[in-house]
Amino acid sequence: MQIGRVTGKVVATIKLGSITGLKFLVVQPLGEDEKPAGEEIVAVDTVQAGANELVFYVTGREATLPLPNPVNPVDATIVGIVDSID
């Protein structure tokens, strides 16, 4: 899992049938110091995250597992909202 901050959303009027109804958000990956680390990514939102929220997400094969159809062309999925980091 990785930490990131939601910076925007993606609107797609036409999508593959198996991902219709899923919300896509733009996420800025963060390093251990909570500063931007790398380029922004697009991730499927499974937890109803909002703008500027701190989230954790998974990538690769694990990104498809939380989805209703685990055989999807998805590279990243938001799986939690971070309340605090100590």
PDB file of N, CA and C in Angstrom:
ATOM      1  N   MET A   1       0.835  -1.180   0.000  1.00  0.00           N
ATOM      2  CA  MET A   1       0.000   0.000   0.000  1.00  0.00           C
ATOM      3  C   MET A   1       0.874   1.235   0.000  1.00  0.00           C
ATOM      4  N   GLN A   2       0.335   2.280  -0.577  1.00  0.00           N
ATOM      5  CA  GLN A   2       1.036   3.547  -0.661  1.00  0.00           C
ATOM      6  C   GLN A   2       0.101   4.662  -0.217  1.00  0.00           C
ATOM      7  N   ILE A   3       0.701   5.753   0.212  1.00  0.00           N
ATOM      8  CA  ILE A   3      -0.058   6.911   0.673  1.00  0.00           C
ATOM      9  C   ILE A   3      -0.092   7.952  -0.436  1.00  0.00           C
ATOM     10  N   GLY A   4      -1.235   8.638  -0.570  1.00  0.00           N
ATOM     11  CA  GLY A   4      -1.357   9.702  -1.552  1.00  0.00           C
ATOM     12  C   GLY A   4      -2.419  10.701  -1.131  1.00  0.00           C
ATOM     13  N   ARG A   5      -2.483  11.802  -1.872  1.00  0.00           N
ATOM     14  CA  ARG A   5      -3.494  12.827  -1.611  1.00  0.00           C
ATOM     15  C   ARG A   5      -4.333  13.018  -2.865  1.00  0.00           C
ATOM     16  N   VAL A   6      -5.659  13.046  -2.694  1.00  0.00           N
ATOM     17  CA  VAL A   6      -6.567  13.243  -3.814  1.00  0.00           C
ATOM     18  C   VAL A   6      -6.454  14.690  -4.284  1.00  0.00           C
ATOM     19  N   THR A   7      -6.170  14.862  -5.580  1.00  0.00           N
ATOM     20  CA  THR A   7      -5.989  16.209  -6.128  1.00  0.00           C
ATOM     21  C   THR A   7      -7.024  16.566  -7.186  1.00  0.00           C
ATOM     22  N   GLY A   8      -7.824  15.616  -7.595  1.00  0.00           N
ATOM     23  CA  GLY A   8      -8.827  15.903  -8.618  1.00  0.00           C
ATOM     24  C   GLY A   8      -9.632  14.667  -8.961  1.00  0.00           C
ATOM     25  N   LYS A   9     -10.462  14.798  -9.990  1.00  0.00           N
ATOM     26  CA  LYS A   9     -11.270  13.667 -10.425  1.00  0.00           C
ATOM     27  C   LYS A   9     -11.207  13.560 -11.943  1.00  0.00           C
ATOM     28  N   VAL A  10     -11.549  12.399 -12.445  1.00  0.00           N
ATOM     29  CA  VAL A  10     -11.574  12.144 -13.873  1.00  0.00           C
ATOM     30  C   VAL A  10     -13.006  11.801 -14.246  1.00  0.00           C
ATOM     31  N   VAL A  11     -13.509  12.451 -15.279  1.00  0.00           N
ATOM     32  CA  VAL A  11     -14.851  12.167 -15.774  1.00  0.00           C
ATOM     33  C   VAL A  11     -14.715  11.526 -17.144  1.00  0.00           C
ATOM     34  N   ALA A  12     -15.264  10.335 -17.298  1.00  0.00           N
ATOM     35  CA  ALA A  12     -15.248   9.624 -18.574  1.00  0.00           C
ATOM     36  C   ALA A  12     -16.679   9.225 -18.912  1.00  0.00           C
ATOM     37  N   THR A  13     -17.198   9.741 -20.007  1.00  0.00           N
ATOM     38  CA  THR A  13     -18.581   9.441 -20.363  1.00  0.00           C
ATOM     39  C   THR A  13     -18.719   8.064 -20.995  1.00  0.00           C
ATOM     40  N   ILE A  14     -17.648   7.558 -21.587  1.00  0.00           N
ATOM     41  CA  ILE A  14     -17.680   6.225 -22.175  1.00  0.00           C
ATOM     42  C   ILE A  14     -16.557   5.403 -21.556  1.00  0.00           C
ATOM     43  N   LYS A  15     -16.923   4.245 -20.978  1.00  0.00           N
ATOM     44  CA  LYS A  15     -15.943   3.380 -20.325  1.00  0.00           C
ATOM     45  C   LYS A  15     -16.235   1.932 -20.683  1.00  0.00           C
ATOM     46  N   LEU A  16     -15.275   1.082 -20.445  1.00  0.00           N
ATOM     47  CA  LEU A  16     -15.452  -0.357 -20.552  1.00  0.00           C
ATOM     48  C   LEU A  16     -16.601  -0.766 -19.636  1.00  0.00           C
ATOM     49  N   GLY A  17     -17.448  -1.652 -20.083  1.00  0.00           N
ATOM     50  CA  GLY A  17     -18.634  -2.046 -19.313  1.00  0.00           C
ATOM     51  C   GLY A  17     -18.349  -2.494 -17.901  1.00  0.00           C
ATOM     52  N   SER A  18     -17.238  -3.197 -17.677  1.00  0.00           N
ATOM     53  CA  SER A  18     -16.944  -3.720 -16.341  1.00  0.00           C
ATOM     54  C   SER A  18     -16.505  -2.642 -15.355  1.00  0.00           C
ATOM     55  N   ILE A  19     -16.186  -1.439 -15.829  1.00  0.00           N
ATOM     56  CA  ILE A  19     -15.820  -0.360 -14.906  1.00  0.00           C
ATOM     57  C   ILE A  19     -16.837   0.780 -14.908  1.00  0.00           C
ATOM     58  N   THR A  20     -17.961   0.568 -15.582  1.00  0.00           N
ATOM     59  CA  THR A  20     -19.035   1.558 -15.561  1.00  0.00           C
ATOM     60  C   THR A  20     -19.552   1.690 -14.137  1.00  0.00           C
ATOM     61  N   GLY A  21     -19.742   2.916 -13.695  1.00  0.00           N
ATOM     62  CA  GLY A  21     -20.239   3.169 -12.348  1.00  0.00           C
ATOM     63  C   GLY A  21     -19.152   3.384 -11.310  1.00  0.00           C
ATOM     64  N   LEU A  22     -17.896   3.121 -11.672  1.00  0.00           N
ATOM     65  CA  LEU A  22     -16.797   3.350 -10.731  1.00  0.00           C
ATOM     66  C   LEU A  22     -16.317   4.792 -10.846  1.00  0.00           C
ATOM     67  N   LYS A  23     -15.915   5.370  -9.718  1.00  0.00           N
ATOM     68  CA  LYS A  23     -15.426   6.752  -9.676  1.00  0.00           C
ATOM     69  C   LYS A  23     -13.909   6.739  -9.787  1.00  0.00           C
ATOM     70  N   PHE A  24     -13.364   7.647 -10.594  1.00  0.00           N
ATOM     71  CA  PHE A  24     -11.924   7.756 -10.781  1.00  0.00           C
ATOM     72  C   PHE A  24     -11.428   9.078 -10.202  1.00  0.00           C
ATOM     73  N   LEU A  25     -10.358   9.008  -9.407  1.00  0.00           N
ATOM     74  CA  LEU A  25      -9.769  10.197  -8.800  1.00  0.00           C
ATOM     75  C   LEU A  25      -8.300  10.317  -9.179  1.00  0.00           C
ATOM     76  N   VAL A  26      -7.813  11.540  -9.211  1.00  0.00           N
ATOM     77  CA  VAL A  26      -6.396  11.803  -9.437  1.00  0.00           C
ATOM     78  C   VAL A  26      -5.727  11.831  -8.063  1.00  0.00           C
ATOM     79  N   VAL A  27      -4.651  11.064  -7.920  1.00  0.00           N
ATOM     80  CA  VAL A  27      -3.957  10.946  -6.634  1.00  0.00           C
ATOM     81  C   VAL A  27      -2.490  11.313  -6.809  1.00  0.00           C
ATOM     82  N   GLN A  28      -1.991  12.169  -5.918  1.00  0.00           N
ATOM     83  CA  GLN A  28      -0.569  12.512  -5.881  1.00  0.00           C
ATOM     84  C   GLN A  28       0.107  11.600  -4.875  1.00  0.00           C
ATOM     85  N   PRO A  29       0.972  10.685  -5.333  1.00  0.00           N
ATOM     86  CA  PRO A  29       1.699   9.834  -4.376  1.00  0.00           C
ATOM     87  C   PRO A  29       2.559  10.691  -3.442  1.00  0.00           C
ATOM     88  N   LEU A  30       2.670  10.251  -2.186  1.00  0.00           N
ATOM     89  CA  LEU A  30       3.451  10.982  -1.190  1.00  0.00           C
ATOM     90  C   LEU A  30       4.541  10.084  -0.618  1.00  0.00           C
ATOM     91  N   GLY A  31       5.657  10.708  -0.244  1.00  0.00           N
ATOM     92  CA  GLY A  31       6.737   9.987   0.413  1.00  0.00           C
ATOM     93  C   GLY A  31       6.497   9.917   1.909  1.00  0.00           C
ATOM     94  N   GLU A  32       7.472   9.378   2.619  1.00  0.00           N
ATOM     95  CA  GLU A  32       7.353   9.249   4.077  1.00  0.00           C
ATOM     96  C   GLU A  32       7.202  10.592   4.774  1.00  0.00           C
ATOM     97  N   ASP A  33       7.723  11.652   4.151  1.00  0.00           N
ATOM     98  CA  ASP A  33       7.627  12.996   4.723  1.00  0.00           C
ATOM     99  C   ASP A  33       6.347  13.717   4.304  1.00  0.00           C
ATOM    100  N   GLU A  34       5.426  12.983   3.662  1.00  0.00           N
ATOM    101  CA  GLU A  34       4.156  13.507   3.169  1.00  0.00           C
ATOM    102  C   GLU A  34       4.324  14.585   2.103  1.00  0.00           C
ATOM    103  N   LYS A  35       5.460  14.562   1.404  1.00  0.00           N
ATOM    104  CA  LYS A  35       5.691  15.485   0.281  1.00  0.00           C
ATOM    105  C   LYS A  35       5.519  14.704  -1.014  1.00  0.00           C
ATOM    106  N   PRO A  36       5.117  15.391  -2.109  1.00  0.00           N
ATOM    107  CA  PRO A  36       4.906  14.702  -3.380  1.00  0.00           C
ATOM    108  C   PRO A  36       6.108  13.843  -3.778  1.00  0.00           C
ATOM    109  N   ALA A  37       5.804  12.640  -4.250  1.00  0.00           N
ATOM    110  CA  ALA A  37       6.840  11.688  -4.656  1.00  0.00           C
ATOM    111  C   ALA A  37       6.408  11.045  -5.972  1.00  0.00           C
ATOM    112  N   GLY A  38       6.805  11.627  -7.063  1.00  0.00           N
ATOM    113  CA  GLY A  38       6.448  11.060  -8.360  1.00  0.00           C
ATOM    114  C   GLY A  38       5.269  11.763  -8.999  1.00  0.00           C
ATOM    115  N   GLU A  39       4.877  11.234 -10.147  1.00  0.00           N
ATOM    116  CA  GLU A  39       3.785  11.819 -10.916  1.00  0.00           C
ATOM    117  C   GLU A  39       2.432  11.381 -10.387  1.00  0.00           C
ATOM    118  N   GLU A  40       1.424  12.218 -10.629  1.00  0.00           N
ATOM    119  CA  GLU A  40       0.066  11.883 -10.229  1.00  0.00           C
ATOM    120  C   GLU A  40      -0.423  10.662 -11.001  1.00  0.00           C
ATOM    121  N   ILE A  41      -1.335   9.928 -10.384  1.00  0.00           N
ATOM    122  CA  ILE A  41      -1.915   8.747 -11.015  1.00  0.00           C
ATOM    123  C   ILE A  41      -3.435   8.855 -10.966  1.00  0.00           C
ATOM    124  N   VAL A  42      -4.103   8.028 -11.756  1.00  0.00           N
ATOM    125  CA  VAL A  42      -5.555   7.917 -11.700  1.00  0.00           C
ATOM    126  C   VAL A  42      -5.874   6.608 -10.999  1.00  0.00           C
ATOM    127  N   ALA A  43      -6.745   6.672  -9.987  1.00  0.00           N
ATOM    128  CA  ALA A  43      -7.092   5.487  -9.208  1.00  0.00           C
ATOM    129  C   ALA A  43      -8.608   5.357  -9.087  1.00  0.00           C
ATOM    130  N   VAL A  44      -9.087   4.131  -9.063  1.00  0.00           N
ATOM    131  CA  VAL A  44     -10.499   3.864  -8.812  1.00  0.00           C
ATOM    132  C   VAL A  44     -10.751   4.100  -7.324  1.00  0.00           C
ATOM    133  N   ASP A  45     -11.864   4.752  -7.011  1.00  0.00           N
ATOM    134  CA  ASP A  45     -12.207   5.041  -5.619  1.00  0.00           C
ATOM    135  C   ASP A  45     -13.218   4.025  -5.105  1.00  0.00           C
ATOM    136  N   THR A  46     -12.846   3.257  -4.085  1.00  0.00           N
ATOM    137  CA  THR A  46     -13.774   2.287  -3.491  1.00  0.00           C
ATOM    138  C   THR A  46     -14.260   2.712  -2.113  1.00  0.00           C
ATOM    139  N   VAL A  47     -13.815   3.892  -1.639  1.00  0.00           N
ATOM    140  CA  VAL A  47     -14.139   4.303  -0.271  1.00  0.00           C
ATOM    141  C   VAL A  47     -14.789   5.686  -0.185  1.00  0.00           C
ATOM    142  N   GLN A  48     -15.207   6.227  -1.314  1.00  0.00           N
ATOM    143  CA  GLN A  48     -15.852   7.546  -1.361  1.00  0.00           C
ATOM    144  C   GLN A  48     -14.952   8.657  -0.836  1.00  0.00           C
ATOM    145  N   ALA A  49     -13.700   8.648  -1.257  1.00  0.00           N
ATOM    146  CA  ALA A  49     -12.751   9.699  -0.870  1.00  0.00           C
ATOM    147  C   ALA A  49     -13.140  11.012  -1.543  1.00  0.00           C
ATOM    148  N   GLY A  50     -12.732  12.111  -0.929  1.00  0.00           N
ATOM    149  CA  GLY A  50     -13.041  13.422  -1.466  1.00  0.00           C
ATOM    150  C   GLY A  50     -11.787  14.210  -1.775  1.00  0.00           C
ATOM    151  N   ALA A  51     -11.994  15.400  -2.291  1.00  0.00           N
ATOM    152  CA  ALA A  51     -10.894  16.277  -2.668  1.00  0.00           C
ATOM    153  C   ALA A  51      -9.995  16.567  -1.477  1.00  0.00           C
ATOM    154  N   ASN A  52      -8.699  16.526  -1.701  1.00  0.00           N
ATOM    155  CA  ASN A  52      -7.661  16.859  -0.732  1.00  0.00           C
ATOM    156  C   ASN A  52      -7.545  15.860   0.432  1.00  0.00           C
ATOM    157  N   GLU A  53      -8.236  14.731   0.370  1.00  0.00           N
ATOM    158  CA  GLU A  53      -8.123  13.735   1.444  1.00  0.00           C
ATOM    159  C   GLU A  53      -6.866  12.907   1.275  1.00  0.00           C
ATOM    160  N   LEU A  54      -6.324  12.511   2.405  1.00  0.00           N
ATOM    161  CA  LEU A  54      -5.168  11.618   2.438  1.00  0.00           C
ATOM    162  C   LEU A  54      -5.706  10.186   2.358  1.00  0.00           C
ATOM    163  N   VAL A  55      -5.199   9.409   1.396  1.00  0.00           N
ATOM    164  CA  VAL A  55      -5.716   8.058   1.164  1.00  0.00           C
ATOM    165  C   VAL A  55      -4.576   7.066   1.068  1.00  0.00           C
ATOM    166  N   PHE A  56      -4.904   5.782   1.199  1.00  0.00           N
ATOM    167  CA  PHE A  56      -3.921   4.784   0.824  1.00  0.00           C
ATOM    168  C   PHE A  56      -4.503   3.966  -0.314  1.00  0.00           C
ATOM    169  N   TYR A  57      -3.603   3.535  -1.201  1.00  0.00           N
ATOM    170  CA  TYR A  57      -4.023   2.868  -2.419  1.00  0.00           C
ATOM    171  C   TYR A  57      -3.084   1.707  -2.727  1.00  0.00           C
ATOM    172  N   VAL A  58      -3.585   0.802  -3.543  1.00  0.00           N
ATOM    173  CA  VAL A  58      -2.789  -0.336  -3.985  1.00  0.00           C
ATOM    174  C   VAL A  58      -2.650  -0.269  -5.503  1.00  0.00           C
ATOM    175  N   THR A  59      -1.563  -0.854  -5.992  1.00  0.00           N
ATOM    176  CA  THR A  59      -1.316  -0.864  -7.433  1.00  0.00           C
ATOM    177  C   THR A  59      -1.053  -2.293  -7.897  1.00  0.00           C
ATOM    178  N   GLY A  60      -0.971  -2.451  -9.196  1.00  0.00           N
ATOM    179  CA  GLY A  60      -0.677  -3.758  -9.763  1.00  0.00           C
ATOM    180  C   GLY A  60      -1.880  -4.687  -9.675  1.00  0.00           C
ATOM    181  N   ARG A  61      -1.622  -5.970  -9.613  1.00  0.00           N
ATOM    182  CA  ARG A  61      -2.685  -6.979  -9.564  1.00  0.00           C
ATOM    183  C   ARG A  61      -3.613  -6.762  -8.370  1.00  0.00           C
ATOM    184  N   GLU A  62      -3.059  -6.330  -7.253  1.00  0.00           N
ATOM    185  CA  GLU A  62      -3.870  -6.100  -6.054  1.00  0.00           C
ATOM    186  C   GLU A  62      -4.924  -5.016  -6.271  1.00  0.00           C
ATOM    187  N   ALA A  63      -4.718  -4.126  -7.228  1.00  0.00           N
ATOM    188  CA  ALA A  63      -5.672  -3.049  -7.486  1.00  0.00           C
ATOM    189  C   ALA A  63      -7.001  -3.562  -8.014  1.00  0.00           C
ATOM    190  N   THR A  64      -7.015  -4.728  -8.619  1.00  0.00           N
ATOM    191  CA  THR A  64      -8.267  -5.267  -9.158  1.00  0.00           C
ATOM    192  C   THR A  64      -9.068  -6.059  -8.134  1.00  0.00           C
ATOM    193  N   LEU A  65      -8.430  -6.528  -7.082  1.00  0.00           N
ATOM    194  CA  LEU A  65      -9.100  -7.414  -6.120  1.00  0.00           C
ATOM    195  C   LEU A  65     -10.273  -6.775  -5.375  1.00  0.00           C
ATOM    196  N   PRO A  66     -10.233  -5.478  -4.993  1.00  0.00           N
ATOM    197  CA  PRO A  66     -11.376  -4.895  -4.278  1.00  0.00           C
ATOM    198  C   PRO A  66     -12.583  -4.592  -5.166  1.00  0.00           C
ATOM    199  N   LEU A  67     -12.445  -4.743  -6.473  1.00  0.00           N
ATOM    200  CA  LEU A  67     -13.508  -4.359  -7.403  1.00  0.00           C
ATOM    201  C   LEU A  67     -14.522  -5.488  -7.576  1.00  0.00           C
ATOM    202  N   PRO A  68     -15.751  -5.127  -7.962  1.00  0.00           N
ATOM    203  CA  PRO A  68     -16.777  -6.153  -8.163  1.00  0.00           C
ATOM    204  C   PRO A  68     -16.347  -7.221  -9.175  1.00  0.00           C
ATOM    205  N   ASN A  69     -15.673  -6.806 -10.235  1.00  0.00           N
ATOM    206  CA  ASN A  69     -15.153  -7.732 -11.235  1.00  0.00           C
ATOM    207  C   ASN A  69     -13.634  -7.655 -11.175  1.00  0.00           C
ATOM    208  N   PRO A  70     -12.967  -8.649 -10.571  1.00  0.00           N
ATOM    209  CA  PRO A  70     -11.515  -8.561 -10.407  1.00  0.00           C
ATOM    210  C   PRO A  70     -10.710  -8.743 -11.696  1.00  0.00           C
ATOM    211  N   VAL A  71     -11.393  -8.858 -12.822  1.00  0.00           N
ATOM    212  CA  VAL A  71     -10.693  -8.943 -14.102  1.00  0.00           C
ATOM    213  C   VAL A  71     -10.967  -7.635 -14.847  1.00  0.00           C
ATOM    214  N   ASN A  72     -10.323  -6.575 -14.412  1.00  0.00           N
ATOM    215  CA  ASN A  72     -10.487  -5.237 -14.978  1.00  0.00           C
ATOM    216  C   ASN A  72      -9.139  -4.646 -15.328  1.00  0.00           C
ATOM    217  N   PRO A  73      -9.092  -3.745 -16.293  1.00  0.00           N
ATOM    218  CA  PRO A  73      -7.838  -3.078 -16.631  1.00  0.00           C
ATOM    219  C   PRO A  73      -7.581  -1.876 -15.719  1.00  0.00           C
ATOM    220  N   VAL A  74      -7.370  -2.131 -14.440  1.00  0.00           N
ATOM    221  CA  VAL A  74      -7.176  -1.069 -13.447  1.00  0.00           C
ATOM    222  C   VAL A  74      -5.775  -1.179 -12.871  1.00  0.00           C
ATOM    223  N   ASP A  75      -5.064  -0.043 -12.802  1.00  0.00           N
ATOM    224  CA  ASP A  75      -3.696  -0.026 -12.294  1.00  0.00           C
ATOM    225  C   ASP A  75      -3.591   0.396 -10.833  1.00  0.00           C
ATOM    226  N   ALA A  76      -4.590   1.155 -10.337  1.00  0.00           N
ATOM    227  CA  ALA A  76      -4.529   1.645  -8.956  1.00  0.00           C
ATOM    228  C   ALA A  76      -5.942   1.754  -8.388  1.00  0.00           C
ATOM    229  N   THR A  77      -6.089   1.399  -7.113  1.00  0.00           N
ATOM    230  CA  THR A  77      -7.382   1.477  -6.436  1.00  0.00           C
ATOM    231  C   THR A  77      -7.189   2.050  -5.038  1.00  0.00           C
ATOM    232  N   ILE A  78      -8.005   3.049  -4.707  1.00  0.00           N
ATOM    233  CA  ILE A  78      -7.997   3.619  -3.365  1.00  0.00           C
ATOM    234  C   ILE A  78      -8.769   2.666  -2.460  1.00  0.00           C
ATOM    235  N   VAL A  79      -8.125   2.236  -1.368  1.00  0.00           N
ATOM    236  CA  VAL A  79      -8.754   1.258  -0.479  1.00  0.00           C
ATOM    237  C   VAL A  79      -8.948   1.769   0.947  1.00  0.00           C
ATOM    238  N   GLY A  80      -8.551   3.006   1.227  1.00  0.00           N
ATOM    239  CA  GLY A  80      -8.753   3.537   2.568  1.00  0.00           C
ATOM    240  C   GLY A  80      -8.516   5.033   2.644  1.00  0.00           C
ATOM    241  N   ILE A  81      -9.118   5.646   3.646  1.00  0.00           N
ATOM    242  CA  ILE A  81      -8.899   7.064   3.942  1.00  0.00           C
ATOM    243  C   ILE A  81      -8.088   7.134   5.220  1.00  0.00           C
ATOM    244  N   VAL A  82      -7.020   7.916   5.188  1.00  0.00           N
ATOM    245  CA  VAL A  82      -6.115   8.030   6.340  1.00  0.00           C
ATOM    246  C   VAL A  82      -6.650   9.087   7.297  1.00  0.00           C
ATOM    247  N   ASP A  83      -6.840   8.714   8.557  1.00  0.00           N
ATOM    248  CA  ASP A  83      -7.287   9.656   9.577  1.00  0.00           C
ATOM    249  C   ASP A  83      -6.123  10.440  10.146  1.00  0.00           C
ATOM    250  N   SER A  84      -5.018   9.737  10.423  1.00  0.00           N
ATOM    251  CA  SER A  84      -3.846  10.424  10.948  1.00  0.00           C
ATOM    252  C   SER A  84      -2.614   9.553  10.743  1.00  0.00           C
ATOM    253  N   ILE A  85      -1.453  10.214  10.766  1.00  0.00           N
ATOM    254  CA  ILE A  85      -0.181   9.523  10.674  1.00  0.00           C
ATOM    255  C   ILE A  85       0.651   9.968  11.850  1.00  0.00           C
ATOM    256  N   ASP A  86       1.164   9.002  12.630  1.00  0.00           N
ATOM    257  CA  ASP A  86       1.996   9.336  13.807  1.00  0.00           C
ATOM    258  C   ASP A  86       3.436   8.997  13.517  1.00  0.00           C
TER     259      ASP A  86
END
